[in-house]
Amino acid sequence: MFCGDLHVHTSHSYDGFCSIEKAVKVAKAKGLNGIAIADHNSIDGHRKARELSNENFLVILGIEVSSIAGHIVGLGVNEAIPGDLTAEETIEKIRGQGGIAIAAHPFRLKRSSELLKAKFDAIEAFNSRNFLGNRLAREFAEANNLPMTAGSDAHFCEEIGLAGVKIDCQLELDSVLKSIKKGETSIFGRNLPVLNYMKGAMYKVLHGKFKH
């Protein structure tokens, strides 16, 4: 059984504040046995992530790519992917590494129309920061018979585990990815409290953690 948060940012993201070591520690404390590292346009944390992944806790190497059409999470990737490609080109790059491509927090800020024309392996049907778009994301996935995933989109350690998936599969990368593609996930999650979101936004401004 895999029970994990499939969208976690660390200090290797421009707006992340949690080390990979602490992310794993927090996830374990919350009863998870896996997380996916999805830093913004970066795989700098992959070496440490490999060290922390073992037979009892799976750290999936991933990335969140800022494609021209919107954000795309790639799970099971080992190389960086340029952030100035179309959605289809980004998906091709992800699959070329043996990974799967997920439409991240669709229907956020009305940026989904072009993004969702692409052929994804799955849709992020629940994202703890996607306050208004989760219902639409799930309806889109159901209407198009697409597999669903979920993740906290954590930028701070305490946010890890707010959302994720449960899969009846082996605690191994290939088994998890194949199960996602088959639509065998059970998603769970709750939204980040609005006050926490506002506190986080202010914290990022005060510490200069914003995108240039």
N, C-alpha and C. Protein backbone atom coordinates (compact mmCIF):
# COMPACT_ATOMS: atom_id res chain seq x y z
N MET A 1 0.84 -1.20 0.00
CA MET A 1 0.00 0.00 0.00
C MET A 1 0.87 1.25 0.00
N PHE A 2 0.53 2.17 -0.89
CA PHE A 2 1.20 3.47 -0.92
C PHE A 2 0.22 4.51 -0.44
N CYS A 3 0.64 5.31 0.52
CA CYS A 3 -0.16 6.43 1.00
C CYS A 3 0.77 7.64 1.04
N GLY A 4 0.59 8.54 0.07
CA GLY A 4 1.56 9.62 -0.01
C GLY A 4 1.02 10.89 -0.61
N ASP A 5 1.74 11.95 -0.34
CA ASP A 5 1.46 13.29 -0.87
C ASP A 5 2.24 13.44 -2.17
N LEU A 6 1.55 13.66 -3.28
CA LEU A 6 2.19 13.66 -4.59
C LEU A 6 2.58 15.06 -5.10
N HIS A 7 2.61 16.04 -4.22
CA HIS A 7 2.97 17.40 -4.67
C HIS A 7 3.58 18.15 -3.50
N VAL A 8 4.90 18.02 -3.33
CA VAL A 8 5.59 18.65 -2.20
C VAL A 8 6.75 19.50 -2.71
N HIS A 9 6.80 20.75 -2.26
CA HIS A 9 7.92 21.63 -2.58
C HIS A 9 8.89 21.68 -1.41
N THR A 10 10.16 21.88 -1.72
CA THR A 10 11.18 21.99 -0.68
C THR A 10 11.93 23.30 -0.85
N SER A 11 12.99 23.46 -0.09
CA SER A 11 13.79 24.68 -0.18
C SER A 11 14.50 24.81 -1.52
N HIS A 12 14.40 23.80 -2.38
CA HIS A 12 14.97 23.89 -3.72
C HIS A 12 14.01 24.57 -4.70
N SER A 13 12.80 24.90 -4.24
CA SER A 13 11.88 25.74 -5.01
C SER A 13 12.12 27.18 -4.61
N TYR A 14 11.88 28.11 -5.52
CA TYR A 14 12.12 29.52 -5.20
C TYR A 14 11.24 30.01 -4.06
N ASP A 15 10.12 29.33 -3.83
CA ASP A 15 9.20 29.75 -2.77
C ASP A 15 8.98 28.66 -1.73
N GLY A 16 9.92 27.73 -1.60
CA GLY A 16 9.80 26.64 -0.64
C GLY A 16 10.63 26.88 0.61
N PHE A 17 10.14 26.38 1.74
CA PHE A 17 10.81 26.64 3.02
C PHE A 17 11.11 25.37 3.82
N CYS A 18 10.96 24.21 3.22
CA CYS A 18 11.14 22.96 3.95
C CYS A 18 12.28 22.15 3.33
N SER A 19 13.22 21.73 4.14
CA SER A 19 14.30 20.87 3.62
C SER A 19 13.72 19.50 3.29
N ILE A 20 14.40 18.78 2.43
CA ILE A 20 13.92 17.44 2.07
C ILE A 20 13.94 16.53 3.29
N GLU A 21 14.97 16.65 4.12
CA GLU A 21 15.04 15.83 5.33
C GLU A 21 13.84 16.07 6.23
N LYS A 22 13.49 17.34 6.42
CA LYS A 22 12.35 17.66 7.29
C LYS A 22 11.04 17.23 6.63
N ALA A 23 10.96 17.35 5.31
CA ALA A 23 9.74 16.94 4.61
C ALA A 23 9.46 15.46 4.83
N VAL A 24 10.49 14.65 4.74
CA VAL A 24 10.33 13.21 4.97
C VAL A 24 9.95 12.94 6.42
N LYS A 25 10.58 13.63 7.33
CA LYS A 25 10.29 13.44 8.76
C LYS A 25 8.85 13.77 9.07
N VAL A 26 8.36 14.90 8.55
CA VAL A 26 6.98 15.32 8.79
C VAL A 26 6.00 14.33 8.16
N ALA A 27 6.29 13.90 6.94
CA ALA A 27 5.41 12.94 6.26
C ALA A 27 5.28 11.65 7.07
N LYS A 28 6.39 11.16 7.58
CA LYS A 28 6.35 9.94 8.38
C LYS A 28 5.53 10.15 9.65
N ALA A 29 5.70 11.31 10.28
CA ALA A 29 4.98 11.60 11.51
C ALA A 29 3.47 11.66 11.28
N LYS A 30 3.08 12.00 10.05
CA LYS A 30 1.66 12.09 9.72
C LYS A 30 1.10 10.79 9.17
N GLY A 31 1.91 9.73 9.20
CA GLY A 31 1.42 8.41 8.79
C GLY A 31 1.55 8.10 7.32
N LEU A 32 2.26 8.93 6.57
CA LEU A 32 2.47 8.65 5.15
C LEU A 32 3.68 7.73 4.98
N ASN A 33 3.69 7.00 3.88
CA ASN A 33 4.88 6.20 3.57
C ASN A 33 5.51 6.60 2.24
N GLY A 34 5.19 7.84 1.83
CA GLY A 34 5.81 8.34 0.61
C GLY A 34 5.42 9.77 0.31
N ILE A 35 6.28 10.45 -0.44
CA ILE A 35 5.98 11.78 -0.96
C ILE A 35 6.62 11.90 -2.34
N ALA A 36 6.15 12.87 -3.11
CA ALA A 36 6.76 13.18 -4.39
C ALA A 36 7.33 14.59 -4.30
N ILE A 37 8.62 14.73 -4.56
CA ILE A 37 9.27 16.03 -4.58
C ILE A 37 9.00 16.68 -5.94
N ALA A 38 8.33 17.82 -5.93
CA ALA A 38 7.95 18.48 -7.19
C ALA A 38 8.35 19.95 -7.12
N ASP A 39 9.65 20.20 -7.06
CA ASP A 39 10.12 21.58 -6.98
C ASP A 39 9.95 22.29 -8.31
N HIS A 40 9.79 23.61 -8.22
CA HIS A 40 9.57 24.42 -9.42
C HIS A 40 10.80 24.40 -10.33
N ASN A 41 10.64 23.78 -11.50
CA ASN A 41 11.68 23.81 -12.53
C ASN A 41 13.06 23.43 -12.02
N SER A 42 13.11 22.54 -11.03
CA SER A 42 14.39 22.18 -10.42
C SER A 42 14.41 20.72 -9.97
N ILE A 43 15.57 20.09 -10.18
CA ILE A 43 15.79 18.74 -9.65
C ILE A 43 16.99 18.76 -8.71
N ASP A 44 17.32 19.93 -8.18
CA ASP A 44 18.50 20.05 -7.32
C ASP A 44 18.41 19.21 -6.05
N GLY A 45 17.21 18.89 -5.63
CA GLY A 45 17.05 18.10 -4.42
C GLY A 45 17.03 16.60 -4.64
N HIS A 46 17.20 16.17 -5.87
CA HIS A 46 17.05 14.75 -6.17
C HIS A 46 18.10 13.87 -5.49
N ARG A 47 19.34 14.37 -5.37
CA ARG A 47 20.37 13.52 -4.77
C ARG A 47 20.01 13.19 -3.32
N LYS A 48 19.63 14.19 -2.56
CA LYS A 48 19.23 13.96 -1.17
C LYS A 48 17.98 13.11 -1.10
N ALA A 49 17.06 13.31 -2.03
CA ALA A 49 15.82 12.53 -2.05
C ALA A 49 16.13 11.04 -2.24
N ARG A 50 17.07 10.73 -3.12
CA ARG A 50 17.45 9.33 -3.34
C ARG A 50 17.99 8.71 -2.05
N GLU A 51 18.75 9.48 -1.31
CA GLU A 51 19.34 8.97 -0.07
C GLU A 51 18.29 8.64 0.97
N LEU A 52 17.17 9.36 0.94
CA LEU A 52 16.13 9.20 1.95
C LEU A 52 15.05 8.21 1.56
N SER A 53 15.09 7.72 0.33
CA SER A 53 14.10 6.76 -0.13
C SER A 53 14.58 5.35 0.16
N ASN A 54 13.71 4.52 0.74
CA ASN A 54 14.09 3.15 1.08
C ASN A 54 12.88 2.24 1.01
N GLU A 55 13.04 1.01 1.45
CA GLU A 55 11.96 0.02 1.32
C GLU A 55 10.75 0.34 2.18
N ASN A 56 10.92 1.22 3.15
CA ASN A 56 9.81 1.58 4.04
C ASN A 56 9.20 2.95 3.75
N PHE A 57 9.92 3.76 2.97
CA PHE A 57 9.42 5.09 2.65
C PHE A 57 9.90 5.46 1.26
N LEU A 58 8.95 5.75 0.37
CA LEU A 58 9.28 6.04 -1.03
C LEU A 58 9.28 7.54 -1.29
N VAL A 59 10.43 8.05 -1.73
CA VAL A 59 10.51 9.44 -2.16
C VAL A 59 10.56 9.43 -3.69
N ILE A 60 9.49 9.90 -4.30
CA ILE A 60 9.40 9.92 -5.76
C ILE A 60 10.09 11.18 -6.28
N LEU A 61 11.00 10.99 -7.22
CA LEU A 61 11.70 12.13 -7.83
C LEU A 61 10.77 12.77 -8.86
N GLY A 62 10.55 14.05 -8.70
CA GLY A 62 9.65 14.73 -9.62
C GLY A 62 10.07 16.16 -9.87
N ILE A 63 9.20 16.89 -10.56
CA ILE A 63 9.44 18.28 -10.90
C ILE A 63 8.11 18.92 -11.26
N GLU A 64 7.97 20.21 -10.97
CA GLU A 64 6.80 20.97 -11.46
C GLU A 64 7.31 21.94 -12.50
N VAL A 65 6.95 21.69 -13.74
CA VAL A 65 7.44 22.48 -14.86
C VAL A 65 6.46 23.60 -15.20
N SER A 66 6.99 24.80 -15.36
CA SER A 66 6.17 25.94 -15.77
C SER A 66 6.13 26.00 -17.29
N SER A 67 5.26 25.21 -17.89
CA SER A 67 5.15 25.21 -19.35
C SER A 67 4.46 26.49 -19.81
N ILE A 68 4.45 26.71 -21.09
CA ILE A 68 3.79 27.90 -21.65
C ILE A 68 2.30 27.91 -21.30
N ALA A 69 1.71 26.72 -21.24
CA ALA A 69 0.27 26.63 -21.01
C ALA A 69 -0.10 26.59 -19.53
N GLY A 70 0.86 26.27 -18.66
CA GLY A 70 0.56 26.14 -17.24
C GLY A 70 1.49 25.14 -16.58
N HIS A 71 1.23 24.87 -15.32
CA HIS A 71 2.12 24.00 -14.54
C HIS A 71 1.82 22.52 -14.78
N ILE A 72 2.89 21.75 -14.91
CA ILE A 72 2.78 20.31 -15.14
C ILE A 72 3.72 19.59 -14.18
N VAL A 73 3.18 18.66 -13.42
CA VAL A 73 4.00 17.85 -12.51
C VAL A 73 4.45 16.59 -13.25
N GLY A 74 5.74 16.36 -13.23
CA GLY A 74 6.29 15.14 -13.79
C GLY A 74 6.79 14.25 -12.66
N LEU A 75 6.30 13.03 -12.57
CA LEU A 75 6.75 12.09 -11.55
C LEU A 75 7.60 11.02 -12.18
N GLY A 76 8.72 10.69 -11.53
CA GLY A 76 9.61 9.66 -12.06
C GLY A 76 10.58 10.21 -13.08
N VAL A 77 11.01 11.45 -12.89
CA VAL A 77 11.97 12.07 -13.82
C VAL A 77 13.33 12.21 -13.15
N ASN A 78 14.37 12.23 -13.97
CA ASN A 78 15.73 12.32 -13.45
C ASN A 78 16.51 13.51 -14.01
N GLU A 79 15.95 14.18 -15.00
CA GLU A 79 16.62 15.30 -15.62
C GLU A 79 15.70 16.52 -15.65
N ALA A 80 16.31 17.70 -15.59
CA ALA A 80 15.54 18.93 -15.64
C ALA A 80 14.86 19.09 -17.00
N ILE A 81 13.75 19.81 -16.98
CA ILE A 81 12.98 20.04 -18.20
C ILE A 81 12.79 21.54 -18.37
N PRO A 82 13.08 22.09 -19.54
CA PRO A 82 12.93 23.53 -19.76
C PRO A 82 11.52 24.01 -19.46
N GLY A 83 11.40 25.24 -19.00
CA GLY A 83 10.10 25.77 -18.63
C GLY A 83 9.44 26.61 -19.69
N ASP A 84 9.98 26.58 -20.90
CA ASP A 84 9.42 27.43 -21.96
C ASP A 84 8.87 26.61 -23.11
N LEU A 85 8.41 25.39 -22.81
CA LEU A 85 7.88 24.51 -23.84
C LEU A 85 6.36 24.49 -23.80
N THR A 86 5.74 24.00 -24.85
CA THR A 86 4.30 23.81 -24.84
C THR A 86 3.96 22.66 -23.90
N ALA A 87 2.69 22.51 -23.59
CA ALA A 87 2.26 21.42 -22.72
C ALA A 87 2.61 20.07 -23.35
N GLU A 88 2.33 19.91 -24.63
CA GLU A 88 2.61 18.64 -25.29
C GLU A 88 4.11 18.34 -25.31
N GLU A 89 4.93 19.36 -25.55
CA GLU A 89 6.38 19.15 -25.55
C GLU A 89 6.88 18.77 -24.16
N THR A 90 6.31 19.39 -23.14
CA THR A 90 6.68 19.08 -21.77
C THR A 90 6.31 17.65 -21.42
N ILE A 91 5.11 17.25 -21.80
CA ILE A 91 4.66 15.88 -21.54
C ILE A 91 5.57 14.88 -22.24
N GLU A 92 5.95 15.18 -23.46
CA GLU A 92 6.84 14.29 -24.22
C GLU A 92 8.19 14.14 -23.51
N LYS A 93 8.71 15.24 -22.97
CA LYS A 93 9.98 15.20 -22.25
C LYS A 93 9.87 14.34 -20.99
N ILE A 94 8.77 14.47 -20.29
CA ILE A 94 8.54 13.69 -19.07
C ILE A 94 8.45 12.20 -19.39
N ARG A 95 7.64 11.87 -20.38
CA ARG A 95 7.49 10.46 -20.76
C ARG A 95 8.78 9.88 -21.32
N GLY A 96 9.59 10.73 -21.96
CA GLY A 96 10.86 10.27 -22.49
C GLY A 96 11.82 9.81 -21.41
N GLN A 97 11.58 10.24 -20.18
CA GLN A 97 12.40 9.82 -19.04
C GLN A 97 11.74 8.67 -18.27
N GLY A 98 10.65 8.17 -18.81
CA GLY A 98 9.95 7.07 -18.13
C GLY A 98 8.98 7.54 -17.07
N GLY A 99 8.71 8.85 -17.04
CA GLY A 99 7.81 9.38 -16.04
C GLY A 99 6.39 9.54 -16.52
N ILE A 100 5.54 10.07 -15.66
CA ILE A 100 4.16 10.35 -16.02
C ILE A 100 3.90 11.85 -15.83
N ALA A 101 3.00 12.39 -16.65
CA ALA A 101 2.72 13.82 -16.65
C ALA A 101 1.33 14.10 -16.08
N ILE A 102 1.28 15.02 -15.13
CA ILE A 102 0.03 15.35 -14.43
C ILE A 102 -0.28 16.83 -14.57
N ALA A 103 -1.48 17.17 -14.95
CA ALA A 103 -1.91 18.57 -15.01
C ALA A 103 -2.06 19.07 -13.58
N ALA A 104 -1.19 20.02 -13.20
CA ALA A 104 -1.18 20.51 -11.82
C ALA A 104 -2.21 21.60 -11.60
N HIS A 105 -2.93 21.48 -10.48
CA HIS A 105 -3.96 22.46 -10.07
C HIS A 105 -4.65 23.15 -11.26
N PRO A 106 -5.28 22.37 -12.15
CA PRO A 106 -6.00 22.99 -13.27
C PRO A 106 -7.15 23.84 -12.76
N PHE A 107 -7.63 24.73 -13.60
CA PHE A 107 -8.73 25.63 -13.29
C PHE A 107 -8.35 26.65 -12.21
N ARG A 108 -7.05 26.84 -12.01
CA ARG A 108 -6.61 27.92 -11.14
C ARG A 108 -6.34 29.16 -12.00
N LEU A 109 -6.94 30.26 -11.63
CA LEU A 109 -6.76 31.53 -12.34
C LEU A 109 -7.08 31.43 -13.84
N LYS A 110 -8.00 30.56 -14.18
CA LYS A 110 -8.49 30.43 -15.56
C LYS A 110 -7.38 30.11 -16.57
N ARG A 111 -6.37 29.38 -16.13
CA ARG A 111 -5.28 29.06 -17.04
C ARG A 111 -5.39 27.65 -17.60
N SER A 112 -6.56 27.04 -17.51
CA SER A 112 -6.68 25.64 -17.84
C SER A 112 -7.02 25.34 -19.29
N SER A 113 -7.57 26.29 -20.01
CA SER A 113 -8.10 25.99 -21.34
C SER A 113 -7.06 25.39 -22.28
N GLU A 114 -5.92 26.02 -22.39
CA GLU A 114 -4.87 25.49 -23.26
C GLU A 114 -4.21 24.27 -22.64
N LEU A 115 -3.99 24.32 -21.34
CA LEU A 115 -3.32 23.22 -20.64
C LEU A 115 -4.06 21.90 -20.83
N LEU A 116 -5.38 21.93 -20.68
CA LEU A 116 -6.15 20.69 -20.68
C LEU A 116 -6.47 20.17 -22.07
N LYS A 117 -5.97 20.84 -23.09
CA LYS A 117 -6.07 20.28 -24.44
C LYS A 117 -5.02 19.19 -24.64
N ALA A 118 -3.99 19.20 -23.80
CA ALA A 118 -2.92 18.20 -23.90
C ALA A 118 -3.39 16.86 -23.33
N LYS A 119 -2.70 15.82 -23.72
CA LYS A 119 -3.07 14.46 -23.30
C LYS A 119 -2.21 14.03 -22.11
N PHE A 120 -2.73 14.26 -20.92
CA PHE A 120 -2.03 13.95 -19.69
C PHE A 120 -2.25 12.50 -19.27
N ASP A 121 -1.35 12.04 -18.40
CA ASP A 121 -1.52 10.71 -17.81
C ASP A 121 -2.51 10.76 -16.67
N ALA A 122 -2.64 11.94 -16.04
CA ALA A 122 -3.57 12.09 -14.92
C ALA A 122 -3.83 13.58 -14.68
N ILE A 123 -4.88 13.85 -13.92
CA ILE A 123 -5.26 15.20 -13.53
C ILE A 123 -5.15 15.32 -12.02
N GLU A 124 -4.55 16.42 -11.55
CA GLU A 124 -4.52 16.66 -10.11
C GLU A 124 -5.92 17.16 -9.71
N ALA A 125 -6.71 16.23 -9.22
CA ALA A 125 -8.12 16.53 -8.95
C ALA A 125 -8.32 17.21 -7.61
N PHE A 126 -7.30 17.13 -6.74
CA PHE A 126 -7.37 17.88 -5.48
C PHE A 126 -6.00 18.43 -5.15
N ASN A 127 -5.95 19.74 -4.94
CA ASN A 127 -4.75 20.45 -4.54
C ASN A 127 -5.14 21.35 -3.38
N SER A 128 -4.43 21.26 -2.27
CA SER A 128 -4.84 21.97 -1.06
C SER A 128 -4.83 23.49 -1.22
N ARG A 129 -4.12 24.00 -2.22
CA ARG A 129 -4.08 25.44 -2.46
C ARG A 129 -5.03 25.88 -3.57
N ASN A 130 -5.67 24.93 -4.21
CA ASN A 130 -6.57 25.25 -5.33
C ASN A 130 -7.99 25.40 -4.81
N PHE A 131 -8.22 26.50 -4.09
CA PHE A 131 -9.46 26.67 -3.33
C PHE A 131 -10.72 26.57 -4.19
N LEU A 132 -10.71 27.15 -5.37
CA LEU A 132 -11.92 27.21 -6.17
C LEU A 132 -11.97 26.20 -7.32
N GLY A 133 -10.82 25.62 -7.66
CA GLY A 133 -10.77 24.79 -8.85
C GLY A 133 -10.86 23.30 -8.67
N ASN A 134 -10.84 22.82 -7.43
CA ASN A 134 -10.81 21.37 -7.24
C ASN A 134 -12.06 20.66 -7.76
N ARG A 135 -13.22 21.25 -7.53
CA ARG A 135 -14.46 20.61 -8.00
C ARG A 135 -14.45 20.51 -9.53
N LEU A 136 -14.03 21.59 -10.19
CA LEU A 136 -13.98 21.58 -11.65
C LEU A 136 -12.94 20.58 -12.15
N ALA A 137 -11.82 20.47 -11.46
CA ALA A 137 -10.77 19.53 -11.86
C ALA A 137 -11.28 18.10 -11.79
N ARG A 138 -11.98 17.79 -10.71
CA ARG A 138 -12.51 16.44 -10.55
C ARG A 138 -13.59 16.14 -11.60
N GLU A 139 -14.45 17.11 -11.85
CA GLU A 139 -15.50 16.91 -12.85
C GLU A 139 -14.89 16.71 -14.23
N PHE A 140 -13.83 17.45 -14.53
CA PHE A 140 -13.16 17.30 -15.82
C PHE A 140 -12.55 15.90 -15.94
N ALA A 141 -11.90 15.44 -14.87
CA ALA A 141 -11.29 14.11 -14.89
C ALA A 141 -12.34 13.03 -15.07
N GLU A 142 -13.46 13.15 -14.38
CA GLU A 142 -14.52 12.15 -14.48
C GLU A 142 -15.15 12.17 -15.87
N ALA A 143 -15.38 13.36 -16.40
CA ALA A 143 -16.01 13.48 -17.71
C ALA A 143 -15.14 12.93 -18.83
N ASN A 144 -13.83 13.00 -18.64
CA ASN A 144 -12.90 12.54 -19.67
C ASN A 144 -12.22 11.22 -19.33
N ASN A 145 -12.73 10.58 -18.26
CA ASN A 145 -12.23 9.26 -17.86
C ASN A 145 -10.71 9.28 -17.66
N LEU A 146 -10.23 10.29 -16.95
CA LEU A 146 -8.80 10.44 -16.70
C LEU A 146 -8.47 10.08 -15.25
N PRO A 147 -7.34 9.43 -15.02
CA PRO A 147 -6.90 9.12 -13.66
C PRO A 147 -6.75 10.40 -12.83
N MET A 148 -6.95 10.29 -11.53
CA MET A 148 -6.87 11.44 -10.64
C MET A 148 -5.77 11.28 -9.60
N THR A 149 -5.10 12.38 -9.29
CA THR A 149 -4.13 12.40 -8.21
C THR A 149 -4.48 13.56 -7.28
N ALA A 150 -3.75 13.64 -6.16
CA ALA A 150 -3.95 14.72 -5.22
C ALA A 150 -2.64 15.00 -4.49
N GLY A 151 -2.49 16.25 -4.07
CA GLY A 151 -1.29 16.64 -3.33
C GLY A 151 -1.52 17.94 -2.59
N SER A 152 -0.73 18.15 -1.57
CA SER A 152 -0.89 19.35 -0.76
C SER A 152 -0.38 20.61 -1.44
N ASP A 153 0.57 20.45 -2.37
CA ASP A 153 1.27 21.61 -2.94
C ASP A 153 1.97 22.36 -1.80
N ALA A 154 2.52 21.59 -0.86
CA ALA A 154 3.14 22.16 0.34
C ALA A 154 4.35 23.00 -0.01
N HIS A 155 4.42 24.18 0.63
CA HIS A 155 5.60 25.03 0.54
C HIS A 155 6.26 25.18 1.92
N PHE A 156 5.51 24.82 2.95
CA PHE A 156 6.00 24.81 4.32
C PHE A 156 5.82 23.39 4.87
N CYS A 157 6.67 23.01 5.79
CA CYS A 157 6.69 21.62 6.28
C CYS A 157 5.34 21.17 6.84
N GLU A 158 4.68 22.06 7.61
CA GLU A 158 3.45 21.65 8.27
C GLU A 158 2.30 21.39 7.29
N GLU A 159 2.45 21.82 6.03
CA GLU A 159 1.39 21.61 5.05
C GLU A 159 1.43 20.22 4.43
N ILE A 160 2.54 19.53 4.57
CA ILE A 160 2.69 18.21 3.97
C ILE A 160 1.64 17.25 4.52
N GLY A 161 1.01 16.50 3.64
CA GLY A 161 0.01 15.52 4.05
C GLY A 161 -1.41 16.04 4.08
N LEU A 162 -1.62 17.32 3.76
CA LEU A 162 -2.98 17.84 3.71
C LEU A 162 -3.80 17.13 2.62
N ALA A 163 -3.11 16.64 1.60
CA ALA A 163 -3.79 15.91 0.52
C ALA A 163 -2.84 14.85 -0.03
N GLY A 164 -3.41 13.86 -0.66
CA GLY A 164 -2.58 12.80 -1.23
C GLY A 164 -3.43 11.68 -1.81
N VAL A 165 -2.78 10.57 -2.03
CA VAL A 165 -3.47 9.41 -2.61
C VAL A 165 -3.16 8.14 -1.82
N LYS A 166 -4.08 7.21 -1.92
CA LYS A 166 -3.86 5.86 -1.40
C LYS A 166 -3.98 4.91 -2.58
N ILE A 167 -3.01 4.01 -2.69
CA ILE A 167 -3.01 3.06 -3.81
C ILE A 167 -2.67 1.68 -3.29
N ASP A 168 -3.43 0.71 -3.68
CA ASP A 168 -3.16 -0.68 -3.30
C ASP A 168 -2.11 -1.23 -4.26
N CYS A 169 -0.85 -0.96 -3.96
CA CYS A 169 0.24 -1.39 -4.83
C CYS A 169 1.50 -1.57 -4.00
N GLN A 170 2.55 -2.02 -4.63
CA GLN A 170 3.82 -2.17 -3.94
C GLN A 170 4.44 -0.80 -3.69
N LEU A 171 5.26 -0.72 -2.67
CA LEU A 171 5.91 0.54 -2.33
C LEU A 171 7.17 0.70 -3.18
N GLU A 172 6.94 0.77 -4.48
CA GLU A 172 8.02 0.91 -5.45
C GLU A 172 7.57 1.89 -6.53
N LEU A 173 8.53 2.61 -7.08
CA LEU A 173 8.20 3.65 -8.06
C LEU A 173 7.39 3.13 -9.23
N ASP A 174 7.87 2.09 -9.89
CA ASP A 174 7.17 1.57 -11.07
C ASP A 174 5.75 1.16 -10.75
N SER A 175 5.57 0.52 -9.60
CA SER A 175 4.24 0.07 -9.20
C SER A 175 3.31 1.25 -8.96
N VAL A 176 3.81 2.29 -8.32
CA VAL A 176 2.99 3.48 -8.05
C VAL A 176 2.61 4.18 -9.34
N LEU A 177 3.58 4.39 -10.22
CA LEU A 177 3.30 5.10 -11.48
C LEU A 177 2.33 4.32 -12.36
N LYS A 178 2.52 3.01 -12.45
CA LYS A 178 1.61 2.20 -13.26
C LYS A 178 0.19 2.24 -12.70
N SER A 179 0.07 2.21 -11.38
CA SER A 179 -1.25 2.25 -10.75
C SER A 179 -1.94 3.60 -10.99
N ILE A 180 -1.17 4.69 -10.95
CA ILE A 180 -1.75 6.00 -11.24
C ILE A 180 -2.29 6.03 -12.66
N LYS A 181 -1.50 5.57 -13.61
CA LYS A 181 -1.92 5.58 -15.01
C LYS A 181 -3.17 4.72 -15.23
N LYS A 182 -3.34 3.68 -14.43
CA LYS A 182 -4.52 2.82 -14.55
C LYS A 182 -5.74 3.40 -13.84
N GLY A 183 -5.54 4.50 -13.13
CA GLY A 183 -6.66 5.11 -12.41
C GLY A 183 -7.03 4.39 -11.14
N GLU A 184 -6.05 3.79 -10.49
CA GLU A 184 -6.32 2.99 -9.30
C GLU A 184 -6.11 3.77 -8.00
N THR A 185 -6.13 5.08 -8.08
CA THR A 185 -5.89 5.91 -6.90
C THR A 185 -7.19 6.23 -6.16
N SER A 186 -7.05 6.37 -4.87
CA SER A 186 -8.11 6.91 -4.03
C SER A 186 -7.56 8.21 -3.45
N ILE A 187 -8.18 9.33 -3.77
CA ILE A 187 -7.62 10.61 -3.36
C ILE A 187 -8.26 11.11 -2.06
N PHE A 188 -7.48 11.86 -1.31
CA PHE A 188 -7.99 12.47 -0.08
C PHE A 188 -7.40 13.87 0.06
N GLY A 189 -8.03 14.72 0.85
CA GLY A 189 -7.43 16.03 1.06
C GLY A 189 -8.37 17.05 1.66
N ARG A 190 -7.76 18.09 2.18
CA ARG A 190 -8.49 19.26 2.67
C ARG A 190 -7.71 20.50 2.30
N ASN A 191 -8.40 21.61 2.18
CA ASN A 191 -7.76 22.85 1.78
C ASN A 191 -6.89 23.44 2.88
N LEU A 192 -5.87 24.14 2.45
CA LEU A 192 -5.04 24.89 3.37
C LEU A 192 -5.89 25.99 3.98
N PRO A 193 -5.89 26.14 5.32
CA PRO A 193 -6.65 27.23 5.94
C PRO A 193 -6.25 28.58 5.34
N VAL A 194 -7.22 29.42 5.09
CA VAL A 194 -6.96 30.70 4.43
C VAL A 194 -5.95 31.54 5.22
N LEU A 195 -6.05 31.54 6.55
CA LEU A 195 -5.11 32.31 7.36
C LEU A 195 -3.69 31.80 7.19
N ASN A 196 -3.53 30.49 7.06
CA ASN A 196 -2.20 29.92 6.83
C ASN A 196 -1.67 30.34 5.46
N TYR A 197 -2.57 30.39 4.48
CA TYR A 197 -2.17 30.82 3.13
C TYR A 197 -1.68 32.26 3.16
N MET A 198 -2.41 33.12 3.84
CA MET A 198 -2.03 34.52 3.93
C MET A 198 -0.74 34.70 4.71
N LYS A 199 -0.59 33.93 5.78
CA LYS A 199 0.63 33.99 6.58
C LYS A 199 1.83 33.55 5.74
N GLY A 200 1.63 32.50 4.95
CA GLY A 200 2.70 32.01 4.10
C GLY A 200 3.11 33.01 3.05
N ALA A 201 2.10 33.68 2.44
CA ALA A 201 2.39 34.68 1.42
C ALA A 201 3.20 35.83 2.00
N MET A 202 2.83 36.28 3.19
CA MET A 202 3.56 37.36 3.84
C MET A 202 4.98 36.92 4.20
N TYR A 203 5.11 35.71 4.67
CA TYR A 203 6.42 35.18 5.05
C TYR A 203 7.35 35.15 3.86
N LYS A 204 6.82 34.75 2.69
CA LYS A 204 7.64 34.69 1.49
C LYS A 204 8.09 36.08 1.05
N VAL A 205 7.21 37.07 1.19
CA VAL A 205 7.59 38.43 0.82
C VAL A 205 8.68 38.94 1.75
N LEU A 206 8.52 38.72 3.05
CA LEU A 206 9.47 39.22 4.03
C LEU A 206 10.85 38.58 3.89
N HIS A 207 10.87 37.35 3.39
CA HIS A 207 12.13 36.63 3.26
C HIS A 207 12.65 36.62 1.82
N GLY A 208 12.03 37.42 0.98
CA GLY A 208 12.51 37.52 -0.40
C GLY A 208 12.32 36.27 -1.22
N LYS A 209 11.40 35.40 -0.83
CA LYS A 209 11.18 34.15 -1.56
C LYS A 209 10.04 34.34 -2.55
N PHE A 210 10.28 35.10 -3.56
CA PHE A 210 9.28 35.31 -4.60
C PHE A 210 9.96 35.16 -5.94
N LYS A 211 9.17 34.88 -6.95
CA LYS A 211 9.73 34.61 -8.27
C LYS A 211 10.12 35.90 -8.97
N HIS A 212 11.32 35.91 -9.52
CA HIS A 212 11.81 37.06 -10.25
C HIS A 212 11.43 36.95 -11.72
